[in-house]
Amino acid sequence: MRDSRLSQTFLNQKLSVVTLNHQMTNAMNRIPLFLLLIISLAFHSKAQNAVQASGNETKLGLQEAVNIALKNNISVKQSDNQVLLNALLLNQAKFNQLPNASGTISEYFNFGRSLDPFTNTYVARNINYNQINLTANVTIYNGLQLKNTIAQNDILLKATQFDLQAMKENISLQVVLAYLNIMNAEDQLSISQTQTAVTQLQIDKTNKLVKAGSLAQSNLFDLKAQLATEEATVINNQSTLDLAKLTLIQLLNDRTVTSVKVERISVPTPATGGYEVSIDKIYEVAEESQPTVKAADLRIKGADKSIEVAKSGFLPIITANANFGANQSNAQKNYIANGTTQQNLGIVTFNGQDIPLIVSQTKYAENGTISYFDQLSNTANYGFGINAFIPIFSKFNNKTLVTRAKIQKENANLNAQQARLTLRQNIETAYTNLTNSAKRYDAFVVQVAALEESFRAAESRFNAGAIDFVSYSLQKTNLDKAKGNLVQAKYDFIFRTKILDYYQNKPLTF
């Protein structure tokens, strides 16, 4: 929707340049004769240099120029990156449905009097202790928050894809305008060069008549002054062409392209009667096809999902979890039998006799530390469970989130309405501009045809000495100006037609 505003800005700049050219032409007509003769020599040399300075040019067609601009444009790249980011968010929302698992491995070192983790008694020795834990959990139900978040991110991804499409179409329109500006400037330059050539021929004829005594010397000076004015116009038109090329080069944003020469395309002759489709029909198609409108509508749907996500805060969350643990320590030893020992437990009197109680006990000796994996196997423990989180009071946080989501949806609705209003206004403006442009073109066609006939008659009368130079110059100036206006109106009409074609979802081709 800002495409038309950008295009209108470029057209205004173009029209300003043409206006400036005519103002400079009028000013030159007021410069004294001897100054114009001096300026003529300087401008003649500069004009040759300007026209010949075309080395190392890159020849480009319209579609190729559009492709290069889209490839290198920074705004397009930023929009493309936003699409990639939203695609990542969508994938992550899907991944959030998967279980979550984590593990920890801990190693502890105790020195001096330490707690034996197996006997739970203090011993005077250094002990190291290794522990392994694995945990996993999965969300069973969370008020459909995961499902709605996936849907929301999917909608936002599609919206940003339409934003990218709109950005590309915007850049394409700018390239088409720059391309047509170059063709217009080339045509204007060609017209001004033809004007100087005609004036030079008239100078040659007048010079012969002056030498023959048929005309006064002042007629020759007047024609040379006219030539100086026209050569100044050639310089101005060459400058306009250089600036138009620079605009296209800047849109291309390719350092390897420092000078361009566009391939001439077959530009249709403007048809009378304006555009063939009414404003209502154009808007009807544009409303269904314009990416900016589609993106705005999708963001309304995304706002609906945002409300559902916020409402899930009022609902319980049910999760299942499981865990596994094991440990190992250098305090857990292996023991082996190492003989027996006799131990007197005391004396028992039986039938008046003292009988000693002696028992035999097996002696054990340390035989190294139990292996690492055997300890893990011996100490393994695991379990599982289900948790239910029930929100009771959240300090009105959930209510605030829902209210904020509803306000955001209202803003999304307003943005969609604004998008349609702006689209309608842009179409109405473009349609009116095209209709007026068609009328201007038709008027200039009639004007050029009439002035050509008038100039041919004036040229014959001037050569015969029937009219003075002022009358001849006025006729030629009017014809030259009309031809320039006709070319300007032609390209203005064509580009405004392309704007309406764009709203009709037609390709930007010729």
Protein backbone atom coordinates (compact mmCIF):
# COMPACT_ATOMS: atom_id res chain seq x y z
CA MET A 1 0.00 0.00 0.00
CA ARG A 2 2.95 2.26 0.38
CA ASP A 3 3.92 1.23 -3.18
CA SER A 4 1.75 3.97 -4.69
CA ARG A 5 3.09 6.56 -2.29
CA LEU A 6 6.67 5.66 -3.18
CA SER A 7 5.85 5.64 -6.88
CA GLN A 8 4.08 9.00 -6.63
CA THR A 9 7.17 10.46 -4.92
CA PHE A 10 9.41 9.27 -7.73
CA LEU A 11 7.03 10.66 -10.37
CA ASN A 12 6.92 14.03 -8.62
CA GLN A 13 10.73 14.12 -8.61
CA LYS A 14 10.75 13.30 -12.29
CA LEU A 15 8.22 16.03 -13.11
CA SER A 16 10.25 18.51 -11.05
CA VAL A 17 13.31 17.82 -13.15
CA VAL A 18 11.37 18.41 -16.38
CA THR A 19 9.94 21.65 -14.98
CA LEU A 20 13.44 22.77 -14.04
CA ASN A 21 14.61 22.12 -17.61
CA HIS A 22 11.88 24.38 -19.02
CA GLN A 23 12.64 27.09 -16.47
CA MET A 24 16.32 27.03 -17.45
CA THR A 25 15.33 27.24 -21.12
CA ASN A 26 13.26 30.37 -20.48
CA ALA A 27 16.10 31.89 -18.51
CA MET A 28 18.56 31.23 -21.32
CA ASN A 29 16.34 33.13 -23.74
CA ARG A 30 16.94 36.25 -21.64
CA ILE A 31 20.79 36.04 -21.73
CA PRO A 32 22.49 38.60 -23.98
CA LEU A 33 23.47 37.37 -27.44
CA PHE A 34 27.28 37.55 -27.08
CA LEU A 35 27.19 35.51 -23.84
CA LEU A 36 25.11 32.82 -25.51
CA LEU A 37 27.69 32.54 -28.27
CA ILE A 38 30.42 31.90 -25.68
CA ILE A 39 28.25 29.43 -23.75
CA SER A 40 27.48 27.62 -26.98
CA LEU A 41 31.12 26.60 -27.46
CA ALA A 42 31.45 25.35 -23.89
CA PHE A 43 28.19 23.41 -23.89
CA HIS A 44 28.93 21.89 -27.30
CA SER A 45 32.13 20.35 -25.94
CA LYS A 46 30.47 19.17 -22.71
CA ALA A 47 27.55 17.67 -24.60
CA GLN A 48 29.89 15.52 -26.68
CA ASN A 49 31.73 14.33 -23.59
CA ALA A 50 28.47 13.58 -21.75
CA VAL A 51 27.00 11.58 -24.59
CA GLN A 52 30.20 9.62 -25.29
CA ALA A 53 30.92 8.74 -21.61
CA SER A 54 29.29 5.33 -21.78
CA GLY A 55 32.14 2.83 -21.43
CA ASN A 56 31.97 -0.33 -19.31
CA GLU A 57 28.17 -0.31 -19.23
CA THR A 58 26.19 -3.32 -18.03
CA LYS A 59 23.32 -4.08 -20.37
CA LEU A 60 20.20 -5.04 -18.46
CA GLY A 61 16.70 -6.15 -19.35
CA LEU A 62 13.75 -5.24 -17.14
CA GLN A 63 13.28 -8.72 -15.65
CA GLU A 64 17.01 -9.09 -15.06
CA ALA A 65 17.11 -5.73 -13.27
CA VAL A 66 14.17 -6.77 -11.07
CA ASN A 67 15.87 -10.08 -10.21
CA ILE A 68 19.15 -8.40 -9.25
CA ALA A 69 17.38 -5.83 -7.10
CA LEU A 70 15.36 -8.49 -5.28
CA LYS A 71 18.50 -10.55 -4.69
CA ASN A 72 20.51 -7.68 -3.20
CA ASN A 73 17.91 -5.48 -1.52
CA ILE A 74 18.54 -5.22 2.22
CA SER A 75 14.87 -4.79 3.14
CA VAL A 76 14.00 -7.97 1.24
CA LYS A 77 16.78 -9.82 3.04
CA GLN A 78 15.51 -8.58 6.40
CA SER A 79 11.97 -9.72 5.56
CA ASP A 80 13.34 -13.08 4.45
CA ASN A 81 15.20 -13.43 7.75
CA GLN A 82 11.98 -12.67 9.62
CA VAL A 83 10.30 -15.51 7.75
CA LEU A 84 13.14 -17.83 8.81
CA LEU A 85 12.82 -16.72 12.44
CA ASN A 86 9.06 -17.35 12.47
CA ALA A 87 9.64 -20.76 10.89
CA LEU A 88 12.01 -21.55 13.76
CA LEU A 89 9.38 -20.46 16.29
CA LEU A 90 6.81 -22.73 14.65
CA ASN A 91 9.16 -25.72 14.73
CA GLN A 92 10.02 -25.06 18.36
CA ALA A 93 6.33 -24.87 19.25
CA LYS A 94 5.92 -28.33 17.73
CA PHE A 95 9.00 -29.65 19.52
CA ASN A 96 7.56 -28.46 22.84
CA GLN A 97 5.11 -31.37 22.67
CA LEU A 98 7.99 -33.83 23.08
CA PRO A 99 9.18 -35.14 26.47
CA ASN A 100 11.92 -33.32 28.31
CA ALA A 101 14.86 -35.38 29.60
CA SER A 102 18.00 -34.37 31.48
CA GLY A 103 20.83 -36.00 33.37
CA THR A 104 23.33 -34.99 36.06
CA ILE A 105 26.62 -36.48 37.16
CA SER A 106 28.09 -35.30 40.46
CA GLU A 107 31.48 -36.02 42.01
CA TYR A 108 32.22 -35.11 45.63
CA PHE A 109 35.54 -35.20 47.51
CA ASN A 110 35.60 -35.29 51.33
CA PHE A 111 38.77 -35.03 53.38
CA GLY A 112 39.50 -35.78 57.06
CA ARG A 113 36.66 -37.09 59.13
CA SER A 114 34.00 -37.94 56.58
CA LEU A 115 30.57 -39.52 56.50
CA ASP A 116 30.57 -42.99 54.99
CA PRO A 117 27.60 -42.92 52.58
CA PHE A 118 27.00 -46.64 53.04
CA THR A 119 27.33 -47.09 56.82
CA ASN A 120 26.18 -43.55 57.57
CA THR A 121 28.94 -43.31 60.19
CA TYR A 122 31.87 -40.99 60.42
CA VAL A 123 35.25 -42.41 59.54
CA ALA A 124 38.70 -40.86 59.60
CA ARG A 125 39.54 -41.23 55.91
CA ASN A 126 39.23 -39.36 52.62
CA ILE A 127 36.13 -40.32 50.63
CA ASN A 128 35.05 -39.50 47.09
CA TYR A 129 31.44 -39.96 46.12
CA ASN A 130 29.94 -40.14 42.57
CA GLN A 131 26.20 -39.80 41.85
CA ILE A 132 24.20 -40.18 38.62
CA ASN A 133 20.61 -38.98 38.12
CA LEU A 134 18.32 -39.10 35.05
CA THR A 135 14.95 -37.35 34.94
CA ALA A 136 12.25 -37.07 32.25
CA ASN A 137 8.87 -35.37 32.10
CA VAL A 138 6.14 -34.84 29.55
CA THR A 139 3.13 -32.54 29.49
CA ILE A 140 -0.11 -34.46 29.28
CA TYR A 141 -2.51 -31.51 29.41
CA ASN A 142 -2.02 -27.76 29.77
CA GLY A 143 -5.32 -26.28 28.62
CA LEU A 144 -4.46 -26.78 24.89
CA GLN A 145 -1.77 -24.13 25.24
CA LEU A 146 0.71 -26.13 23.15
CA LYS A 147 -1.82 -26.76 20.37
CA ASN A 148 -2.93 -23.12 20.21
CA THR A 149 0.65 -21.87 20.28
CA ILE A 150 1.48 -24.06 17.29
CA ALA A 151 -1.53 -22.70 15.38
CA GLN A 152 -0.63 -19.12 16.32
CA ASN A 153 2.97 -19.46 15.12
CA ASP A 154 1.81 -21.11 11.90
CA ILE A 155 -0.48 -18.14 11.19
CA LEU A 156 2.26 -15.61 11.98
CA LEU A 157 4.65 -17.45 9.65
CA LYS A 158 2.17 -17.14 6.78
CA ALA A 159 1.66 -13.44 7.60
CA THR A 160 5.39 -12.72 7.40
CA GLN A 161 5.55 -14.63 4.11
CA PHE A 162 2.95 -12.22 2.73
CA ASP A 163 5.00 -9.33 4.16
CA LEU A 164 7.98 -10.63 2.20
CA GLN A 165 5.87 -10.86 -0.95
CA ALA A 166 4.67 -7.28 -0.48
CA MET A 167 8.25 -6.09 0.00
CA LYS A 168 9.35 -7.81 -3.21
CA GLU A 169 6.46 -6.30 -5.16
CA ASN A 170 7.32 -2.87 -3.75
CA ILE A 171 10.94 -3.19 -4.92
CA SER A 172 9.79 -4.50 -8.31
CA LEU A 173 7.58 -1.43 -8.78
CA GLN A 174 10.48 0.84 -7.91
CA VAL A 175 12.70 -0.92 -10.46
CA VAL A 176 10.01 -0.64 -13.14
CA LEU A 177 9.69 3.08 -12.41
CA ALA A 178 13.47 3.59 -12.53
CA TYR A 179 13.64 1.60 -15.78
CA LEU A 180 10.89 3.69 -17.39
CA ASN A 181 12.55 6.87 -16.10
CA ILE A 182 15.73 5.90 -17.96
CA MET A 183 13.79 5.27 -21.17
CA ASN A 184 11.96 8.56 -20.74
CA ALA A 185 15.24 10.41 -20.13
CA GLU A 186 16.78 8.76 -23.20
CA ASP A 187 13.84 9.84 -25.32
CA GLN A 188 14.00 13.38 -23.93
CA LEU A 189 17.73 13.47 -24.67
CA SER A 190 17.14 12.18 -28.19
CA ILE A 191 14.51 14.87 -28.79
CA SER A 192 16.81 17.63 -27.57
CA GLN A 193 19.68 16.32 -29.73
CA THR A 194 17.38 16.29 -32.75
CA GLN A 195 16.39 19.86 -31.93
CA THR A 196 20.00 20.98 -31.95
CA ALA A 197 20.60 19.13 -35.22
CA VAL A 198 17.64 20.91 -36.83
CA THR A 199 18.88 24.25 -35.54
CA GLN A 200 22.38 23.51 -36.86
CA LEU A 201 20.95 22.79 -40.31
CA GLN A 202 19.03 26.06 -40.13
CA ILE A 203 22.27 27.85 -39.19
CA ASP A 204 23.99 26.35 -42.26
CA LYS A 205 21.14 27.52 -44.52
CA THR A 206 21.04 30.98 -42.94
CA ASN A 207 24.81 31.34 -43.21
CA LYS A 208 24.61 30.77 -46.96
CA LEU A 209 21.78 33.30 -47.27
CA VAL A 210 23.73 35.85 -45.22
CA LYS A 211 26.77 35.41 -47.44
CA ALA A 212 24.54 35.82 -50.47
CA GLY A 213 23.18 39.04 -48.96
CA SER A 214 19.63 37.72 -48.74
CA LEU A 215 19.45 37.89 -44.93
CA ALA A 216 20.91 40.15 -42.29
CA GLN A 217 23.83 38.97 -40.11
CA SER A 218 21.63 39.30 -37.01
CA ASN A 219 19.55 36.32 -38.16
CA LEU A 220 22.64 34.11 -37.97
CA PHE A 221 23.50 35.36 -34.48
CA ASP A 222 19.95 34.71 -33.34
CA LEU A 223 20.12 31.10 -34.55
CA LYS A 224 23.47 30.53 -32.83
CA ALA A 225 21.98 31.85 -29.61
CA GLN A 226 19.08 29.43 -30.11
CA LEU A 227 21.59 26.61 -30.59
CA ALA A 228 23.32 27.51 -27.31
CA THR A 229 19.99 27.31 -25.48
CA GLU A 230 19.22 23.92 -27.01
CA GLU A 231 22.67 22.55 -26.21
CA ALA A 232 22.09 23.61 -22.61
CA THR A 233 18.92 21.52 -22.74
CA VAL A 234 20.95 18.58 -24.05
CA ILE A 235 23.26 18.89 -21.03
CA ASN A 236 20.30 19.04 -18.65
CA ASN A 237 18.65 16.02 -20.26
CA GLN A 238 21.93 14.09 -20.11
CA SER A 239 22.16 14.94 -16.42
CA THR A 240 18.59 13.70 -15.92
CA LEU A 241 19.49 10.47 -17.70
CA ASP A 242 22.60 10.00 -15.52
CA LEU A 243 20.53 10.51 -12.37
CA ALA A 244 17.90 8.05 -13.60
CA LYS A 245 20.60 5.46 -14.21
CA LEU A 246 22.09 6.15 -10.79
CA THR A 247 18.69 5.52 -9.20
CA LEU A 248 18.48 2.12 -10.91
CA ILE A 249 22.08 1.26 -9.94
CA GLN A 250 21.30 2.10 -6.31
CA LEU A 251 18.22 -0.14 -6.43
CA LEU A 252 20.35 -2.97 -7.82
CA ASN A 253 22.79 -2.65 -4.90
CA ASP A 254 25.43 -4.58 -6.85
CA ARG A 255 28.99 -3.25 -6.63
CA THR A 256 29.91 -4.92 -9.91
CA VAL A 257 27.36 -2.74 -11.72
CA THR A 258 28.73 0.79 -11.97
CA SER A 259 27.07 1.86 -15.22
CA VAL A 260 23.96 0.54 -16.94
CA LYS A 261 22.41 0.52 -20.36
CA VAL A 262 18.83 -0.70 -20.39
CA GLU A 263 17.41 -2.80 -23.17
CA ARG A 264 14.66 -0.87 -24.87
CA ILE A 265 11.30 -2.55 -24.36
CA SER A 266 8.26 -2.25 -26.55
CA VAL A 267 6.18 0.32 -24.72
CA PRO A 268 2.54 0.31 -25.82
CA THR A 269 0.95 3.48 -27.09
CA PRO A 270 -1.48 4.80 -24.48
CA ALA A 271 -5.07 4.06 -25.40
CA THR A 272 -7.74 6.67 -24.96
CA GLY A 273 -10.56 6.13 -22.54
CA GLY A 274 -8.47 5.38 -19.44
CA TYR A 275 -8.35 2.01 -17.72
CA GLU A 276 -10.64 -0.76 -18.95
CA VAL A 277 -11.81 -1.85 -15.47
CA SER A 278 -13.77 0.21 -12.95
CA ILE A 279 -12.49 1.20 -9.52
CA ASP A 280 -14.87 -1.21 -7.78
CA LYS A 281 -13.69 -4.14 -9.89
CA ILE A 282 -10.04 -3.24 -9.30
CA TYR A 283 -10.61 -3.04 -5.56
CA GLU A 284 -12.52 -6.32 -5.54
CA VAL A 285 -9.56 -8.14 -7.10
CA ALA A 286 -6.97 -6.27 -5.03
CA GLU A 287 -8.72 -7.04 -1.76
CA GLU A 288 -8.47 -10.76 -2.52
CA SER A 289 -4.90 -10.73 -3.85
CA GLN A 290 -2.92 -7.98 -2.12
CA PRO A 291 -0.38 -9.51 0.32
CA THR A 292 -0.70 -6.63 2.77
CA VAL A 293 -4.43 -7.31 3.19
CA LYS A 294 -3.85 -11.06 3.51
CA ALA A 295 -1.18 -10.49 6.14
CA ALA A 296 -3.50 -8.18 8.12
CA ASP A 297 -6.32 -10.78 8.03
CA LEU A 298 -3.96 -13.54 9.17
CA ARG A 299 -2.84 -11.44 12.12
CA ILE A 300 -6.49 -11.26 13.25
CA LYS A 301 -6.60 -15.06 13.30
CA GLY A 302 -3.28 -15.08 15.13
CA ALA A 303 -4.76 -12.73 17.73
CA ASP A 304 -7.65 -15.19 18.24
CA LYS A 305 -5.14 -17.92 19.01
CA SER A 306 -3.31 -15.56 21.34
CA ILE A 307 -6.54 -15.19 23.36
CA GLU A 308 -6.89 -18.98 23.59
CA VAL A 309 -3.29 -19.27 24.78
CA ALA A 310 -3.92 -16.66 27.47
CA LYS A 311 -7.10 -18.44 28.64
CA SER A 312 -5.16 -21.66 29.20
CA GLY A 313 -3.62 -20.02 32.26
CA PHE A 314 -6.91 -20.65 34.11
CA LEU A 315 -6.78 -24.42 33.46
CA PRO A 316 -4.83 -27.17 35.26
CA ILE A 317 -1.52 -28.49 33.98
CA ILE A 318 -0.94 -32.25 34.18
CA THR A 319 2.55 -33.69 33.70
CA ALA A 320 4.12 -37.14 34.06
CA ASN A 321 7.69 -37.61 35.22
CA ALA A 322 10.18 -40.40 35.85
CA ASN A 323 13.62 -40.56 37.46
CA PHE A 324 16.56 -42.91 37.85
CA GLY A 325 19.53 -42.63 40.22
CA ALA A 326 22.67 -44.53 41.25
CA ASN A 327 25.91 -43.77 43.09
CA GLN A 328 29.46 -44.98 43.67
CA SER A 329 32.12 -44.33 46.31
CA ASN A 330 35.63 -45.46 47.12
CA ALA A 331 34.33 -46.25 50.64
CA GLN A 332 32.42 -49.30 49.40
CA LYS A 333 34.94 -52.21 49.69
CA ASN A 334 35.12 -55.87 48.87
CA TYR A 335 35.83 -58.22 51.82
CA ILE A 336 37.11 -61.85 51.85
CA ALA A 337 37.37 -64.48 54.63
CA ASN A 338 40.78 -64.48 56.28
CA GLY A 339 40.71 -67.34 58.81
CA THR A 340 38.81 -67.56 62.08
CA THR A 341 39.21 -66.26 65.56
CA GLN A 342 38.13 -67.61 69.02
CA GLN A 343 36.20 -65.34 71.28
CA ASN A 344 35.29 -66.03 74.90
CA LEU A 345 31.84 -64.78 75.57
CA GLY A 346 31.96 -65.61 79.30
CA ILE A 347 31.34 -68.51 81.71
CA VAL A 348 28.09 -70.35 82.24
CA THR A 349 27.48 -72.40 85.44
CA PHE A 350 25.72 -75.64 84.78
CA ASN A 351 25.19 -78.31 87.47
CA GLY A 352 27.70 -76.62 89.65
CA GLN A 353 30.30 -76.48 86.93
CA ASP A 354 31.67 -73.37 85.25
CA ILE A 355 31.59 -73.82 81.51
CA PRO A 356 33.32 -71.19 79.33
CA LEU A 357 31.36 -69.96 76.22
CA ILE A 358 33.80 -69.81 73.36
CA VAL A 359 32.64 -69.08 69.78
CA SER A 360 34.54 -69.21 66.55
CA GLN A 361 34.14 -66.16 64.19
CA THR A 362 35.30 -65.70 60.63
CA LYS A 363 37.74 -62.88 60.06
CA TYR A 364 37.33 -60.63 57.00
CA ALA A 365 39.91 -58.53 55.23
CA GLU A 366 39.51 -55.74 52.65
CA ASN A 367 40.01 -56.89 49.07
CA GLY A 368 39.83 -53.63 47.08
CA THR A 369 36.93 -51.37 46.12
CA ILE A 370 33.77 -52.72 44.49
CA SER A 371 33.87 -52.01 40.73
CA TYR A 372 32.24 -48.84 39.42
CA PHE A 373 29.41 -50.45 37.44
CA ASP A 374 28.72 -53.04 40.14
CA GLN A 375 28.17 -50.18 42.60
CA LEU A 376 25.81 -48.45 40.15
CA SER A 377 23.89 -51.69 39.73
CA ASN A 378 23.73 -52.27 43.47
CA THR A 379 22.55 -48.72 44.24
CA ALA A 380 20.18 -48.17 41.28
CA ASN A 381 16.81 -46.63 42.16
CA TYR A 382 13.98 -45.33 39.99
CA GLY A 383 10.42 -44.11 40.12
CA PHE A 384 7.66 -42.29 38.25
CA GLY A 385 4.70 -40.11 39.05
CA ILE A 386 2.05 -37.68 37.85
CA ASN A 387 1.79 -34.03 38.86
CA ALA A 388 -1.21 -31.75 38.62
CA PHE A 389 -0.77 -27.98 38.91
CA ILE A 390 -4.07 -26.28 39.65
CA PRO A 391 -4.11 -22.46 39.46
CA ILE A 392 -6.14 -20.95 42.28
CA PHE A 393 -5.09 -17.30 42.44
CA SER A 394 -2.46 -15.63 40.26
CA LYS A 395 -2.80 -12.04 41.45
CA PHE A 396 -5.08 -11.43 38.41
CA ASN A 397 -2.14 -12.09 36.08
CA ASN A 398 -4.10 -14.54 33.89
CA LYS A 399 -7.03 -12.12 33.64
CA THR A 400 -4.66 -9.35 32.59
CA LEU A 401 -3.11 -11.58 29.90
CA VAL A 402 -6.53 -12.42 28.46
CA THR A 403 -7.62 -8.76 28.44
CA ARG A 404 -4.37 -7.70 26.76
CA ALA A 405 -4.81 -10.41 24.10
CA LYS A 406 -8.34 -9.14 23.36
CA ILE A 407 -7.06 -5.58 22.98
CA GLN A 408 -4.37 -6.82 20.60
CA LYS A 409 -7.05 -8.54 18.53
CA GLU A 410 -9.01 -5.28 18.35
CA ASN A 411 -5.87 -3.54 17.11
CA ALA A 412 -5.42 -6.30 14.54
CA ASN A 413 -8.99 -5.67 13.35
CA LEU A 414 -8.31 -1.94 13.08
CA ASN A 415 -5.07 -2.60 11.18
CA ALA A 416 -6.97 -4.78 8.69
CA GLN A 417 -9.59 -2.04 8.25
CA GLN A 418 -6.83 0.51 7.73
CA ALA A 419 -5.15 -1.75 5.19
CA ARG A 420 -8.36 -1.96 3.17
CA LEU A 421 -9.02 1.77 3.49
CA THR A 422 -5.51 2.64 2.34
CA LEU A 423 -5.80 0.15 -0.51
CA ARG A 424 -9.08 1.70 -1.63
CA GLN A 425 -7.66 5.23 -1.42
CA ASN A 426 -4.53 4.26 -3.35
CA ILE A 427 -6.60 2.64 -6.09
CA GLU A 428 -8.87 5.68 -6.35
CA THR A 429 -5.86 8.00 -6.52
CA ALA A 430 -4.08 5.83 -9.09
CA TYR A 431 -7.23 5.55 -11.19
CA THR A 432 -7.80 9.30 -11.16
CA ASN A 433 -4.15 9.98 -11.99
CA LEU A 434 -4.29 7.53 -14.89
CA THR A 435 -7.50 9.05 -16.26
CA ASN A 436 -5.99 12.53 -16.15
CA SER A 437 -2.73 11.22 -17.61
CA ALA A 438 -4.63 9.72 -20.55
CA LYS A 439 -6.36 13.06 -21.16
CA ARG A 440 -3.03 14.89 -21.03
CA TYR A 441 -1.50 12.45 -23.50
CA ASP A 442 -4.39 12.85 -25.95
CA ALA A 443 -4.14 16.62 -25.65
CA PHE A 444 -0.38 16.59 -26.28
CA VAL A 445 -0.82 14.33 -29.33
CA VAL A 446 -3.18 16.88 -30.87
CA GLN A 447 -0.91 19.75 -29.80
CA VAL A 448 2.24 18.21 -31.32
CA ALA A 449 0.47 17.48 -34.61
CA ALA A 450 -0.79 21.07 -34.83
CA LEU A 451 2.54 22.60 -33.84
CA GLU A 452 4.43 20.48 -36.37
CA GLU A 453 2.27 21.87 -39.15
CA SER A 454 2.64 25.38 -37.75
CA PHE A 455 6.42 25.04 -37.46
CA ARG A 456 6.81 23.77 -41.01
CA ALA A 457 4.95 26.83 -42.22
CA ALA A 458 6.96 29.15 -39.98
CA GLU A 459 10.24 27.58 -41.14
CA SER A 460 9.36 28.17 -44.79
CA ARG A 461 8.32 31.77 -44.11
CA PHE A 462 11.48 32.38 -42.04
CA ASN A 463 13.70 31.05 -44.84
CA ALA A 464 11.85 33.33 -47.22
CA GLY A 465 12.34 36.29 -44.88
CA ALA A 466 8.62 36.72 -44.34
CA ILE A 467 8.83 36.51 -40.52
CA ASP A 468 11.48 37.52 -38.02
CA PHE A 469 13.59 35.22 -35.84
CA VAL A 470 11.51 35.83 -32.72
CA SER A 471 8.39 34.41 -34.38
CA TYR A 472 10.36 31.46 -35.79
CA SER A 473 12.04 30.74 -32.44
CA LEU A 474 8.73 30.89 -30.59
CA GLN A 475 7.20 28.33 -32.96
CA LYS A 476 10.19 25.99 -32.61
CA THR A 477 10.32 26.36 -28.81
CA ASN A 478 6.63 25.56 -28.50
CA LEU A 479 7.04 22.48 -30.70
CA ASP A 480 10.08 21.26 -28.76
CA LYS A 481 8.31 21.74 -25.46
CA ALA A 482 5.21 19.92 -26.71
CA LYS A 483 7.27 16.95 -27.90
CA GLY A 484 8.95 16.71 -24.52
CA ASN A 485 5.60 16.92 -22.77
CA LEU A 486 4.21 14.19 -25.04
CA VAL A 487 7.04 11.80 -24.14
CA GLN A 488 6.66 12.65 -20.46
CA ALA A 489 2.89 12.05 -20.60
CA LYS A 490 3.40 8.76 -22.40
CA TYR A 491 5.69 7.25 -19.74
CA ASP A 492 3.59 8.76 -16.97
CA PHE A 493 0.52 7.04 -18.38
CA ILE A 494 2.33 3.72 -18.83
CA PHE A 495 3.61 3.61 -15.28
CA ARG A 496 0.24 4.55 -13.80
CA THR A 497 -1.25 1.76 -15.89
CA LYS A 498 1.27 -0.66 -14.35
CA ILE A 499 0.21 0.45 -10.88
CA LEU A 500 -3.39 -0.50 -11.62
CA ASP A 501 -2.19 -3.73 -13.26
CA TYR A 502 -0.37 -4.48 -10.02
CA TYR A 503 -3.61 -4.06 -8.06
CA GLN A 504 -5.24 -6.36 -10.61
CA ASN A 505 -2.64 -9.00 -9.75
CA LYS A 506 -1.19 -8.83 -13.26
CA PRO A 507 2.56 -9.35 -13.93
CA LEU A 508 4.75 -6.26 -14.29
CA THR A 509 5.65 -7.04 -17.89
CA PHE A 510 5.26 -5.26 -21.20
